[in-house]
Amino acid sequence: MDDSNDDIDKANEQRRAKLVKAGVAVGVGSAAIVAALLYASKVKKKRR
């Protein structure tokens, strides 16, 4: 039974690692979008 519990623990850790990576990717992507929007609005203001 220890082997099956170890397998479950490993699967849970792998799933958690994937979710953490996905969360980091979403955060970085969101920050990039916000930075791009801020830059775009800054450039538009200078042209006027």
N, C-alpha and C. Protein backbone atom coordinates (compact mmCIF):
# COMPACT_ATOMS: atom_id res chain seq x y z
N MET A 1 0.83 -1.20 0.00
CA MET A 1 0.00 0.00 0.00
C MET A 1 0.86 1.26 0.00
N ASP A 2 2.06 1.14 0.51
CA ASP A 2 2.93 2.31 0.52
C ASP A 2 3.29 2.74 -0.89
N ASP A 3 3.44 1.74 -1.78
CA ASP A 3 3.79 2.06 -3.16
C ASP A 3 2.68 2.86 -3.84
N SER A 4 1.42 2.45 -3.61
CA SER A 4 0.31 3.16 -4.24
C SER A 4 0.18 4.57 -3.67
N ASN A 5 0.45 4.73 -2.38
CA ASN A 5 0.41 6.07 -1.78
C ASN A 5 1.54 6.93 -2.32
N ASP A 6 2.70 6.33 -2.52
CA ASP A 6 3.83 7.08 -3.10
C ASP A 6 3.50 7.53 -4.52
N ASP A 7 2.86 6.64 -5.29
CA ASP A 7 2.48 6.99 -6.66
C ASP A 7 1.48 8.14 -6.65
N ILE A 8 0.53 8.09 -5.74
CA ILE A 8 -0.47 9.16 -5.64
C ILE A 8 0.20 10.47 -5.24
N ASP A 9 1.12 10.39 -4.29
CA ASP A 9 1.84 11.60 -3.86
C ASP A 9 2.65 12.19 -5.02
N LYS A 10 3.31 11.33 -5.78
CA LYS A 10 4.10 11.80 -6.92
C LYS A 10 3.20 12.45 -7.96
N ALA A 11 2.05 11.83 -8.23
CA ALA A 11 1.11 12.37 -9.20
C ALA A 11 0.59 13.73 -8.74
N ASN A 12 0.28 13.83 -7.45
CA ASN A 12 -0.20 15.11 -6.91
C ASN A 12 0.87 16.19 -6.99
N GLU A 13 2.11 15.81 -6.71
CA GLU A 13 3.20 16.80 -6.78
C GLU A 13 3.42 17.26 -8.21
N GLN A 14 3.34 16.32 -9.16
CA GLN A 14 3.51 16.69 -10.57
C GLN A 14 2.38 17.60 -11.02
N ARG A 15 1.16 17.28 -10.60
CA ARG A 15 0.00 18.11 -10.96
C ARG A 15 0.15 19.52 -10.37
N ARG A 16 0.58 19.57 -9.12
CA ARG A 16 0.77 20.86 -8.45
C ARG A 16 1.86 21.67 -9.15
N ALA A 17 2.94 21.02 -9.55
CA ALA A 17 4.02 21.72 -10.24
C ALA A 17 3.53 22.29 -11.57
N LYS A 18 2.72 21.51 -12.29
CA LYS A 18 2.18 22.00 -13.55
C LYS A 18 1.27 23.20 -13.33
N LEU A 19 0.45 23.14 -12.28
CA LEU A 19 -0.45 24.25 -12.00
C LEU A 19 0.32 25.51 -11.60
N VAL A 20 1.39 25.32 -10.83
CA VAL A 20 2.22 26.47 -10.44
C VAL A 20 2.86 27.09 -11.68
N LYS A 21 3.39 26.25 -12.56
CA LYS A 21 4.00 26.76 -13.80
C LYS A 21 2.97 27.50 -14.64
N ALA A 22 1.77 26.94 -14.73
CA ALA A 22 0.70 27.58 -15.51
C ALA A 22 0.33 28.93 -14.89
N GLY A 23 0.27 28.97 -13.57
CA GLY A 23 -0.06 30.23 -12.88
C GLY A 23 1.00 31.28 -13.11
N VAL A 24 2.26 30.87 -13.07
CA VAL A 24 3.35 31.81 -13.32
C VAL A 24 3.28 32.32 -14.76
N ALA A 25 3.00 31.42 -15.69
CA ALA A 25 2.91 31.81 -17.10
C ALA A 25 1.78 32.81 -17.31
N VAL A 26 0.64 32.57 -16.67
CA VAL A 26 -0.49 33.50 -16.79
C VAL A 26 -0.13 34.86 -16.19
N GLY A 27 0.54 34.83 -15.05
CA GLY A 27 0.95 36.09 -14.42
C GLY A 27 1.91 36.89 -15.28
N VAL A 28 2.90 36.22 -15.85
CA VAL A 28 3.86 36.89 -16.71
C VAL A 28 3.18 37.43 -17.97
N GLY A 29 2.29 36.62 -18.52
CA GLY A 29 1.56 37.06 -19.72
C GLY A 29 0.69 38.27 -19.42
N SER A 30 0.03 38.26 -18.29
CA SER A 30 -0.82 39.38 -17.91
C SER A 30 0.02 40.65 -17.72
N ALA A 31 1.17 40.50 -17.09
CA ALA A 31 2.05 41.65 -16.88
C ALA A 31 2.53 42.20 -18.21
N ALA A 32 2.83 41.32 -19.16
CA ALA A 32 3.27 41.77 -20.48
C ALA A 32 2.16 42.53 -21.20
N ILE A 33 0.94 42.05 -21.08
CA ILE A 33 -0.19 42.72 -21.72
C ILE A 33 -0.40 44.09 -21.10
N VAL A 34 -0.35 44.18 -19.79
CA VAL A 34 -0.53 45.47 -19.11
C VAL A 34 0.58 46.43 -19.53
N ALA A 35 1.81 45.95 -19.58
CA ALA A 35 2.94 46.80 -19.98
C ALA A 35 2.75 47.29 -21.42
N ALA A 36 2.30 46.40 -22.30
CA ALA A 36 2.07 46.79 -23.70
C ALA A 36 0.97 47.84 -23.80
N LEU A 37 -0.09 47.67 -23.04
CA LEU A 37 -1.20 48.65 -23.07
C LEU A 37 -0.75 50.00 -22.52
N LEU A 38 0.02 49.97 -21.44
CA LEU A 38 0.52 51.23 -20.88
C LEU A 38 1.45 51.93 -21.86
N TYR A 39 2.31 51.15 -22.51
CA TYR A 39 3.24 51.72 -23.49
C TYR A 39 2.46 52.31 -24.66
N ALA A 40 1.45 51.58 -25.14
CA ALA A 40 0.66 52.04 -26.27
C ALA A 40 -0.07 53.34 -25.93
N SER A 41 -0.63 53.43 -24.72
CA SER A 41 -1.34 54.64 -24.35
C SER A 41 -0.37 55.81 -24.17
N LYS A 42 0.84 55.53 -23.73
CA LYS A 42 1.86 56.56 -23.56
C LYS A 42 2.29 57.11 -24.92
N VAL A 43 2.46 56.23 -25.89
CA VAL A 43 2.88 56.64 -27.24
C VAL A 43 1.77 57.47 -27.89
N LYS A 44 0.54 57.09 -27.69
CA LYS A 44 -0.58 57.84 -28.28
C LYS A 44 -0.65 59.25 -27.71
N LYS A 45 -0.39 59.42 -26.42
CA LYS A 45 -0.44 60.73 -25.80
C LYS A 45 0.64 61.64 -26.34
N LYS A 46 1.82 61.11 -26.63
CA LYS A 46 2.92 61.94 -27.14
C LYS A 46 2.62 62.46 -28.55
N ARG A 47 1.89 61.68 -29.36
CA ARG A 47 1.62 62.09 -30.73
C ARG A 47 0.69 63.30 -30.79
N ARG A 48 -0.16 63.45 -29.77
CA ARG A 48 -1.11 64.57 -29.78
C ARG A 48 -0.36 65.80 -29.47
